[in-house]
Amino acid sequence: MIEESEKLKSASEGRAEHLADRLVPYTLAGTGLVYLFTRNVTKALSVLMVDFSCALKLAMPISVLSAIREASLYNITVKGGKYLEAIAEADTIVFDKTGTLTKAEPTVAKVVSFNGQSTDELLRIAACLEEHFPHSMAKAVVDAAEQRNLAHEEMHTKVEYIVAHGISTSINGKRAIIGSHHFVFEDENCRIPEGMQQQFDELPKEYSHLYLAIEGELAAVICVEDPLREEAEAVVNSLKKAGISKVVMMTGDSERTARAIAKRVGVDEYYSEVLPEDKAGYVEKEKEKGRKVIMIGDGINDSPALSAANVGIAIRDGAEIAKEIADITIGADNLYQIVTLKLLSDSLMKRIHKNYRTIVGFNTGLIVLGVGGILQPATSALLHNASTLLIGLKSMQNLLTD
């Protein structure tokens, strides 16, 4: 645990410790030089009594630990100081849509039949497949079937779950698949029934779509409504004001659904029908351009991107693997915690830089006054220790005011 905590120290903490260690021989050398030139033990001791190391080694870790403690007051869990520093430096933020910009409380709005079967029967088949899938969209389908009292006992053989794509199985000897547009039409090469193209083109754009195909032909489209968080647009605007220059949304939904959501939220860029490797690849490309990237997601599909980003942020109600991989975890009830995290991180870095200036300036002044014979070594030592204590206490204060 100690080794792991050492790895999670911020660069500022590391620089402070390194500088403190480097200054020790210079302090000793300075003491010797003062005595050599002045032949005055009192003046030499004034240099020895004032050492930068104590304040530097204490103030920086206290500032970081205090910020992590303060973050917890806002229901934010930070795994190490280095991530707060990375948040402060970040200029790009990538949002997953489902469960992040949306409430992760999807409901089935309607079922559109394409093969002549009743919507209830098609929903029953979809629920039979989706009950095996650990995702909020799948849960919405299963819940809708239960609300209509549609029994969906297992009628199929072995279920194959393809991550970020969909599910395939066999029902009554017929191959059935359900999933994204990319999975059903591109990977599986399913077709739209003859004469149904217009109905397909008129599917409502405001919904996310699950495509059910049987024997290579589209059987139904399940329209799922996942309400956008009320604060989503305001959070995006606040992040831009806080210094984030690029806000991106990535989703596995279709182009038209993604475009409609992106327009409402106000992101700078959006990408639709993306796979887990696409999200991670985008993050890596942005990092290669020199950008500092924050990734926010909640699902298994987001895990590669959460790991690839400079800082990965997971939603507390999300998948366990996402929370395990992420560097920071926020509550699910309010996206404003991301803005709070950014402001907290910026304030932390300002405090650290201010501490640097205060420590170096004040102690340099003590050394000059001591060498000049104005301050006695005991007075210099007292003022040095008092200033270290005061800076440490100041660093424990909250960074943000309500």
Protein backbone atom coordinates (compact mmCIF):
# COMPACT_ATOMS: atom_id res chain seq x y z
CA MET A 1 0.00 0.00 0.00
CA ILE A 2 2.86 2.35 0.84
CA GLU A 3 4.56 1.63 -2.49
CA GLU A 4 1.30 2.24 -4.33
CA SER A 5 0.68 5.52 -2.52
CA GLU A 6 4.16 6.68 -3.49
CA LYS A 7 3.30 6.12 -7.15
CA LEU A 8 0.14 8.21 -6.81
CA LYS A 9 1.88 11.31 -5.51
CA SER A 10 1.47 14.40 -7.66
CA ALA A 11 4.42 15.74 -9.61
CA SER A 12 4.32 18.85 -7.40
CA GLU A 13 4.81 16.70 -4.29
CA GLY A 14 7.68 14.89 -5.99
CA ARG A 15 9.32 18.16 -7.03
CA ALA A 16 9.00 19.54 -3.50
CA GLU A 17 10.63 16.47 -1.97
CA HIS A 18 13.39 16.45 -4.58
CA LEU A 19 14.07 20.16 -4.10
CA ALA A 20 14.09 19.76 -0.31
CA ASP A 21 16.63 16.94 -0.52
CA ARG A 22 18.79 18.88 -2.99
CA LEU A 23 18.85 21.96 -0.75
CA VAL A 24 20.35 20.19 2.29
CA PRO A 25 23.97 20.12 1.01
CA TYR A 26 23.62 23.70 -0.23
CA THR A 27 22.48 24.77 3.24
CA LEU A 28 25.51 23.11 4.79
CA ALA A 29 27.78 24.63 2.16
CA GLY A 30 26.22 28.05 2.71
CA THR A 31 26.81 27.75 6.44
CA GLY A 32 30.46 26.93 5.82
CA LEU A 33 30.93 29.79 3.35
CA VAL A 34 29.37 32.35 5.70
CA TYR A 35 31.71 31.25 8.49
CA LEU A 36 34.66 31.21 6.11
CA PHE A 37 34.09 34.81 5.00
CA THR A 38 32.83 36.31 8.27
CA ARG A 39 34.48 34.13 10.92
CA ASN A 40 31.25 34.68 12.84
CA VAL A 41 29.63 31.54 14.30
CA THR A 42 26.37 33.35 15.05
CA LYS A 43 25.89 34.42 11.44
CA ALA A 44 26.79 30.94 10.18
CA LEU A 45 24.27 29.35 12.54
CA SER A 46 21.59 31.73 11.21
CA VAL A 47 21.91 29.95 7.87
CA LEU A 48 21.95 26.50 9.44
CA MET A 49 18.85 27.21 11.56
CA VAL A 50 16.79 28.14 8.49
CA ASP A 51 16.31 25.17 6.18
CA PHE A 52 13.77 25.06 3.36
CA SER A 53 13.36 21.28 3.59
CA CYS A 54 10.89 21.10 6.48
CA ALA A 55 8.33 23.48 5.01
CA LEU A 56 8.64 22.07 1.50
CA LYS A 57 8.22 18.46 2.61
CA LEU A 58 5.28 19.21 4.89
CA ALA A 59 3.22 21.84 3.08
CA MET A 60 2.82 20.11 -0.30
CA PRO A 61 1.54 16.71 0.93
CA ILE A 62 -0.73 18.43 3.45
CA SER A 63 -2.23 20.54 0.65
CA VAL A 64 -2.88 17.48 -1.51
CA LEU A 65 -4.31 15.35 1.29
CA SER A 66 -6.55 18.22 2.35
CA ALA A 67 -7.85 18.55 -1.23
CA ILE A 68 -8.59 14.80 -1.39
CA ARG A 69 -10.44 15.08 1.93
CA GLU A 70 -12.40 18.07 0.66
CA ALA A 71 -13.31 16.20 -2.53
CA SER A 72 -14.87 13.46 -0.41
CA LEU A 73 -17.22 16.07 1.07
CA TYR A 74 -18.68 16.46 -2.41
CA ASN A 75 -19.06 12.68 -2.85
CA ILE A 76 -15.93 12.50 -5.01
CA THR A 77 -13.36 9.76 -4.40
CA VAL A 78 -9.82 10.49 -5.63
CA LYS A 79 -7.25 7.69 -5.61
CA GLY A 80 -4.16 9.92 -5.55
CA GLY A 81 -2.84 13.46 -5.73
CA LYS A 82 -1.43 13.00 -9.22
CA TYR A 83 -4.97 12.82 -10.60
CA LEU A 84 -5.97 16.18 -9.12
CA GLU A 85 -2.91 17.69 -10.79
CA ALA A 86 -3.87 16.02 -14.08
CA ILE A 87 -7.41 17.41 -13.81
CA ALA A 88 -5.96 20.91 -13.36
CA GLU A 89 -3.81 20.47 -16.49
CA ALA A 90 -6.53 18.87 -18.62
CA ASP A 91 -7.84 20.66 -21.71
CA THR A 92 -9.99 17.89 -23.25
CA ILE A 93 -12.87 15.94 -21.75
CA VAL A 94 -14.58 12.94 -23.36
CA PHE A 95 -18.06 11.91 -22.24
CA ASP A 96 -19.70 8.59 -22.81
CA LYS A 97 -23.38 9.29 -23.49
CA THR A 98 -25.41 6.53 -21.88
CA GLY A 99 -25.35 6.73 -18.11
CA THR A 100 -23.14 9.80 -18.09
CA LEU A 101 -24.82 12.59 -20.02
CA THR A 102 -28.07 10.67 -19.67
CA LYS A 103 -29.69 9.46 -16.45
CA ALA A 104 -29.06 5.75 -17.04
CA GLU A 105 -32.78 5.21 -16.44
CA PRO A 106 -33.86 4.17 -19.95
CA THR A 107 -37.38 3.05 -20.74
CA VAL A 108 -38.89 1.45 -23.82
CA ALA A 109 -40.89 4.11 -25.63
CA LYS A 110 -42.20 1.96 -28.47
CA VAL A 111 -41.60 -1.24 -30.42
CA VAL A 112 -41.76 -1.04 -34.21
CA SER A 113 -42.47 -4.32 -35.99
CA PHE A 114 -40.87 -5.05 -39.36
CA ASN A 115 -41.88 -8.69 -39.89
CA GLY A 116 -45.61 -8.63 -39.16
CA GLN A 117 -45.37 -10.17 -35.69
CA SER A 118 -47.08 -8.42 -32.81
CA THR A 119 -45.05 -5.90 -30.83
CA ASP A 120 -45.66 -7.91 -27.65
CA GLU A 121 -44.22 -11.07 -29.16
CA LEU A 122 -41.19 -9.20 -30.49
CA LEU A 123 -40.64 -7.52 -27.13
CA ARG A 124 -40.89 -10.95 -25.45
CA ILE A 125 -38.17 -12.33 -27.74
CA ALA A 126 -35.99 -9.27 -27.16
CA ALA A 127 -36.37 -9.59 -23.37
CA CYS A 128 -35.47 -13.27 -23.59
CA LEU A 129 -32.13 -12.29 -25.12
CA GLU A 130 -31.48 -9.13 -23.15
CA GLU A 131 -31.96 -10.67 -19.71
CA HIS A 132 -28.39 -11.97 -20.06
CA PHE A 133 -26.87 -8.55 -20.82
CA PRO A 134 -25.55 -6.36 -17.91
CA HIS A 135 -26.52 -2.97 -19.35
CA SER A 136 -29.13 -0.33 -18.57
CA MET A 137 -30.62 -0.57 -22.07
CA ALA A 138 -31.06 -4.33 -21.68
CA LYS A 139 -32.70 -3.82 -18.29
CA ALA A 140 -35.16 -1.39 -19.90
CA VAL A 141 -36.26 -4.08 -22.36
CA VAL A 142 -36.66 -6.71 -19.63
CA ASP A 143 -38.59 -4.28 -17.42
CA ALA A 144 -40.91 -3.34 -20.30
CA ALA A 145 -41.72 -7.02 -20.88
CA GLU A 146 -42.47 -7.52 -17.19
CA GLN A 147 -44.73 -4.47 -17.14
CA ARG A 148 -46.75 -6.01 -19.98
CA ASN A 149 -46.77 -9.37 -18.16
CA LEU A 150 -44.89 -11.02 -21.00
CA ALA A 151 -43.29 -14.24 -19.82
CA HIS A 152 -39.93 -14.73 -21.49
CA GLU A 153 -38.72 -18.09 -20.30
CA GLU A 154 -35.54 -19.27 -21.94
CA MET A 155 -36.50 -20.59 -25.35
CA HIS A 156 -33.03 -20.34 -26.82
CA THR A 157 -29.80 -22.25 -26.91
CA LYS A 158 -26.42 -20.90 -25.83
CA VAL A 159 -26.24 -17.10 -25.76
CA GLU A 160 -23.20 -15.35 -27.20
CA TYR A 161 -22.52 -11.86 -25.88
CA ILE A 162 -20.26 -9.70 -28.04
CA VAL A 163 -18.99 -6.74 -25.98
CA ALA A 164 -20.22 -3.36 -27.29
CA HIS A 165 -22.03 -5.07 -30.15
CA GLY A 166 -24.95 -7.20 -29.07
CA ILE A 167 -26.24 -10.71 -28.43
CA SER A 168 -26.78 -13.66 -30.69
CA THR A 169 -28.57 -16.98 -30.05
CA SER A 170 -30.92 -19.48 -31.63
CA ILE A 171 -34.66 -19.55 -30.95
CA ASN A 172 -36.72 -22.49 -32.20
CA GLY A 173 -33.92 -23.30 -34.62
CA LYS A 174 -33.75 -19.74 -35.99
CA ARG A 175 -30.77 -17.46 -35.43
CA ALA A 176 -31.76 -14.30 -33.57
CA ILE A 177 -29.56 -11.31 -32.82
CA ILE A 178 -30.12 -8.02 -31.04
CA GLY A 179 -27.84 -5.03 -30.72
CA SER A 180 -26.56 -1.88 -32.34
CA HIS A 181 -26.97 -0.74 -35.93
CA HIS A 182 -23.30 -1.52 -36.58
CA PHE A 183 -23.62 -5.04 -35.22
CA VAL A 184 -26.86 -5.96 -36.96
CA PHE A 185 -26.34 -4.37 -40.37
CA GLU A 186 -22.59 -4.25 -40.82
CA ASP A 187 -21.15 -7.13 -38.83
CA GLU A 188 -24.07 -9.53 -39.39
CA ASN A 189 -25.15 -8.14 -42.81
CA CYS A 190 -28.84 -8.28 -41.95
CA ARG A 191 -31.32 -6.69 -44.34
CA ILE A 192 -34.45 -4.58 -44.04
CA PRO A 193 -37.59 -6.41 -45.25
CA GLU A 194 -38.79 -5.45 -48.70
CA GLY A 195 -41.10 -2.45 -48.69
CA MET A 196 -40.13 -1.39 -45.17
CA GLN A 197 -37.33 1.06 -45.98
CA GLN A 198 -39.54 4.14 -45.58
CA GLN A 199 -40.75 2.99 -42.17
CA PHE A 200 -37.12 2.41 -41.20
CA ASP A 201 -36.09 5.90 -42.36
CA GLU A 202 -38.93 7.46 -40.34
CA LEU A 203 -37.88 5.97 -37.02
CA PRO A 204 -37.91 8.72 -34.36
CA LYS A 205 -34.46 10.31 -34.01
CA GLU A 206 -34.80 11.32 -30.38
CA TYR A 207 -34.62 7.70 -29.20
CA SER A 208 -31.82 5.19 -28.99
CA HIS A 209 -32.52 2.09 -31.09
CA LEU A 210 -32.04 -1.61 -30.48
CA TYR A 211 -32.31 -3.75 -33.60
CA LEU A 212 -33.75 -7.27 -33.43
CA ALA A 213 -33.14 -9.52 -36.44
CA ILE A 214 -34.24 -13.10 -37.04
CA GLU A 215 -32.69 -15.25 -39.75
CA GLY A 216 -30.77 -12.32 -41.20
CA GLU A 217 -33.80 -10.03 -41.57
CA LEU A 218 -34.81 -7.08 -39.40
CA ALA A 219 -37.76 -8.11 -37.21
CA ALA A 220 -38.16 -5.10 -34.92
CA VAL A 221 -36.67 -1.87 -33.74
CA ILE A 222 -37.04 -1.11 -30.05
CA CYS A 223 -37.03 2.62 -29.37
CA VAL A 224 -35.49 3.35 -25.98
CA GLU A 225 -35.80 6.69 -24.29
CA ASP A 226 -32.91 7.59 -22.00
CA PRO A 227 -33.62 11.08 -20.61
CA LEU A 228 -30.83 13.61 -20.82
CA ARG A 229 -29.69 14.92 -17.45
CA GLU A 230 -31.19 18.34 -16.79
CA GLU A 231 -27.80 19.75 -15.85
CA ALA A 232 -25.88 18.28 -18.82
CA GLU A 233 -25.82 21.43 -20.98
CA ALA A 234 -25.00 23.71 -18.04
CA VAL A 235 -22.18 21.38 -16.93
CA VAL A 236 -20.62 21.43 -20.41
CA ASN A 237 -20.77 25.24 -20.48
CA SER A 238 -19.29 25.47 -16.98
CA LEU A 239 -16.40 23.17 -17.92
CA LYS A 240 -15.58 25.37 -20.90
CA LYS A 241 -15.54 28.44 -18.64
CA ALA A 242 -13.27 26.54 -16.23
CA GLY A 243 -10.65 26.05 -18.93
CA ILE A 244 -11.65 22.90 -20.84
CA SER A 245 -11.18 23.82 -24.50
CA LYS A 246 -12.58 20.65 -26.10
CA VAL A 247 -15.66 18.67 -25.03
CA VAL A 248 -16.36 15.41 -26.88
CA MET A 249 -19.24 12.94 -26.73
CA MET A 250 -18.85 9.31 -27.82
CA THR A 251 -21.67 6.79 -28.09
CA GLY A 252 -22.58 3.48 -29.64
CA ASP A 253 -25.88 4.98 -30.82
CA SER A 254 -26.66 5.79 -34.42
CA GLU A 255 -25.48 8.96 -36.12
CA ARG A 256 -28.86 10.69 -36.03
CA THR A 257 -29.44 9.96 -32.33
CA ALA A 258 -25.93 11.11 -31.46
CA ARG A 259 -26.33 14.28 -33.51
CA ALA A 260 -29.59 15.19 -31.76
CA ILE A 261 -28.09 14.69 -28.28
CA ALA A 262 -24.85 16.52 -29.16
CA LYS A 263 -26.80 19.53 -30.39
CA ARG A 264 -28.80 19.73 -27.16
CA VAL A 265 -25.77 19.37 -24.90
CA GLY A 266 -23.46 21.70 -26.82
CA VAL A 267 -20.36 19.52 -27.20
CA ASP A 268 -17.60 20.49 -29.63
CA GLU A 269 -17.37 17.07 -31.28
CA TYR A 270 -19.36 13.84 -31.23
CA TYR A 271 -18.77 10.33 -32.53
CA SER A 272 -21.47 7.71 -33.09
CA GLU A 273 -21.49 3.91 -33.36
CA VAL A 274 -18.12 3.69 -31.63
CA LEU A 275 -16.65 0.53 -30.11
CA PRO A 276 -14.60 0.31 -26.89
CA GLU A 277 -11.37 0.25 -28.89
CA ASP A 278 -12.51 3.34 -30.82
CA LYS A 279 -12.92 5.32 -27.58
CA ALA A 280 -9.50 4.23 -26.32
CA GLY A 281 -7.95 4.94 -29.73
CA TYR A 282 -9.38 8.46 -29.77
CA VAL A 283 -7.99 9.17 -26.31
CA GLU A 284 -4.54 7.93 -27.35
CA LYS A 285 -4.56 10.11 -30.49
CA GLU A 286 -5.47 13.19 -28.49
CA LYS A 287 -2.67 12.45 -26.03
CA GLU A 288 -0.22 12.11 -28.93
CA LYS A 289 -1.22 15.62 -29.98
CA GLY A 290 -0.10 16.85 -26.57
CA ARG A 291 -3.56 17.24 -25.08
CA LYS A 292 -4.40 16.23 -21.51
CA VAL A 293 -7.52 14.07 -21.62
CA ILE A 294 -10.22 13.29 -19.06
CA MET A 295 -12.50 10.35 -19.86
CA ILE A 296 -15.86 9.98 -18.11
CA GLY A 297 -17.87 6.78 -18.39
CA ASP A 298 -19.81 4.18 -16.46
CA GLY A 299 -19.82 0.93 -18.39
CA ILE A 300 -17.68 -2.06 -19.26
CA ASN A 301 -17.35 -0.60 -22.76
CA ASP A 302 -15.71 2.54 -21.35
CA SER A 303 -13.01 0.71 -19.40
CA PRO A 304 -10.28 0.76 -22.11
CA ALA A 305 -10.72 4.52 -22.58
CA LEU A 306 -10.80 5.14 -18.81
CA SER A 307 -7.48 3.34 -18.56
CA ALA A 308 -5.95 5.16 -21.55
CA ALA A 309 -6.88 8.70 -20.43
CA ASN A 310 -4.69 10.94 -18.29
CA VAL A 311 -7.56 10.79 -15.80
CA GLY A 312 -10.41 8.29 -15.87
CA ILE A 313 -13.60 9.25 -14.02
CA ALA A 314 -16.29 6.65 -13.35
CA ILE A 315 -19.88 7.09 -12.23
CA ARG A 316 -20.46 5.43 -8.86
CA ASP A 317 -23.54 3.52 -10.06
CA GLY A 318 -21.65 2.17 -13.07
CA ALA A 319 -20.01 -1.19 -13.75
CA GLU A 320 -17.60 -2.51 -11.11
CA ILE A 321 -14.74 -2.85 -13.60
CA ALA A 322 -15.13 0.79 -14.65
CA LYS A 323 -14.91 1.94 -11.02
CA GLU A 324 -11.90 -0.30 -10.43
CA ILE A 325 -10.01 1.05 -13.45
CA ALA A 326 -10.98 4.70 -12.98
CA ASP A 327 -8.74 7.10 -11.07
CA ILE A 328 -11.64 9.13 -9.67
CA THR A 329 -15.22 8.18 -8.85
CA ILE A 330 -18.12 10.63 -8.67
CA GLY A 331 -21.72 10.26 -7.53
CA ALA A 332 -24.46 9.42 -9.98
CA ASP A 333 -26.92 12.06 -8.88
CA ASN A 334 -25.28 15.23 -10.22
CA LEU A 335 -22.79 15.94 -13.01
CA TYR A 336 -21.88 19.26 -11.39
CA GLN A 337 -19.41 17.22 -9.33
CA ILE A 338 -17.17 17.24 -12.40
CA VAL A 339 -17.14 21.04 -12.38
CA THR A 340 -16.47 21.01 -8.63
CA LEU A 341 -13.58 18.61 -9.22
CA LYS A 342 -12.07 20.89 -11.85
CA LEU A 343 -12.37 24.00 -9.64
CA LEU A 344 -10.94 22.09 -6.67
CA SER A 345 -7.96 20.90 -8.71
CA ASP A 346 -7.25 24.37 -10.09
CA SER A 347 -7.42 25.84 -6.59
CA LEU A 348 -5.07 23.16 -5.28
CA MET A 349 -2.40 23.99 -7.86
CA LYS A 350 -2.72 27.70 -7.06
CA ARG A 351 -2.25 26.92 -3.36
CA ILE A 352 0.81 24.75 -4.05
CA HIS A 353 2.45 27.45 -6.19
CA LYS A 354 1.63 30.06 -3.55
CA ASN A 355 3.20 27.84 -0.87
CA TYR A 356 6.35 27.52 -2.96
CA ARG A 357 6.69 31.28 -3.27
CA THR A 358 5.92 31.90 0.43
CA ILE A 359 8.37 29.28 1.71
CA VAL A 360 11.23 30.31 -0.55
CA GLY A 361 10.66 34.05 -0.09
CA PHE A 362 10.19 34.06 3.68
CA ASN A 363 13.08 31.72 4.46
CA THR A 364 15.42 33.52 2.08
CA GLY A 365 14.57 36.73 3.96
CA LEU A 366 15.39 35.05 7.28
CA ILE A 367 18.76 33.92 5.95
CA VAL A 368 19.61 37.40 4.65
CA LEU A 369 18.62 39.01 7.96
CA GLY A 370 20.59 36.42 9.90
CA VAL A 371 23.75 36.85 7.82
CA GLY A 372 23.35 40.60 8.14
CA GLY A 373 23.38 40.23 11.91
CA ILE A 374 19.87 41.62 12.33
CA LEU A 375 18.33 38.34 13.57
CA GLN A 376 19.87 35.97 16.07
CA PRO A 377 19.90 32.21 15.22
CA ALA A 378 17.30 31.46 17.91
CA THR A 379 14.95 34.09 16.47
CA SER A 380 15.49 32.81 12.93
CA ALA A 381 14.77 29.25 14.04
CA LEU A 382 11.62 30.34 15.87
CA LEU A 383 10.29 32.31 12.90
CA HIS A 384 11.19 29.49 10.50
CA ASN A 385 9.34 26.86 12.52
CA ALA A 386 6.40 29.16 13.16
CA SER A 387 6.06 29.90 9.44
CA THR A 388 6.22 26.16 8.63
CA LEU A 389 3.43 25.49 11.12
CA LEU A 390 1.28 28.35 9.83
CA ILE A 391 1.69 27.31 6.19
CA GLY A 392 0.77 23.74 7.14
CA LEU A 393 -2.35 24.89 8.99
CA LYS A 394 -3.31 27.17 6.13
CA SER A 395 -2.94 24.27 3.71
CA MET A 396 -5.52 22.29 5.68
CA GLN A 397 -8.26 24.84 5.01
CA ASN A 398 -10.93 24.11 2.42
CA LEU A 399 -10.15 25.33 -1.07
CA LEU A 400 -13.74 25.99 -2.12
CA THR A 401 -16.39 28.05 -0.40
CA ASP A 402 -20.04 27.14 -0.75
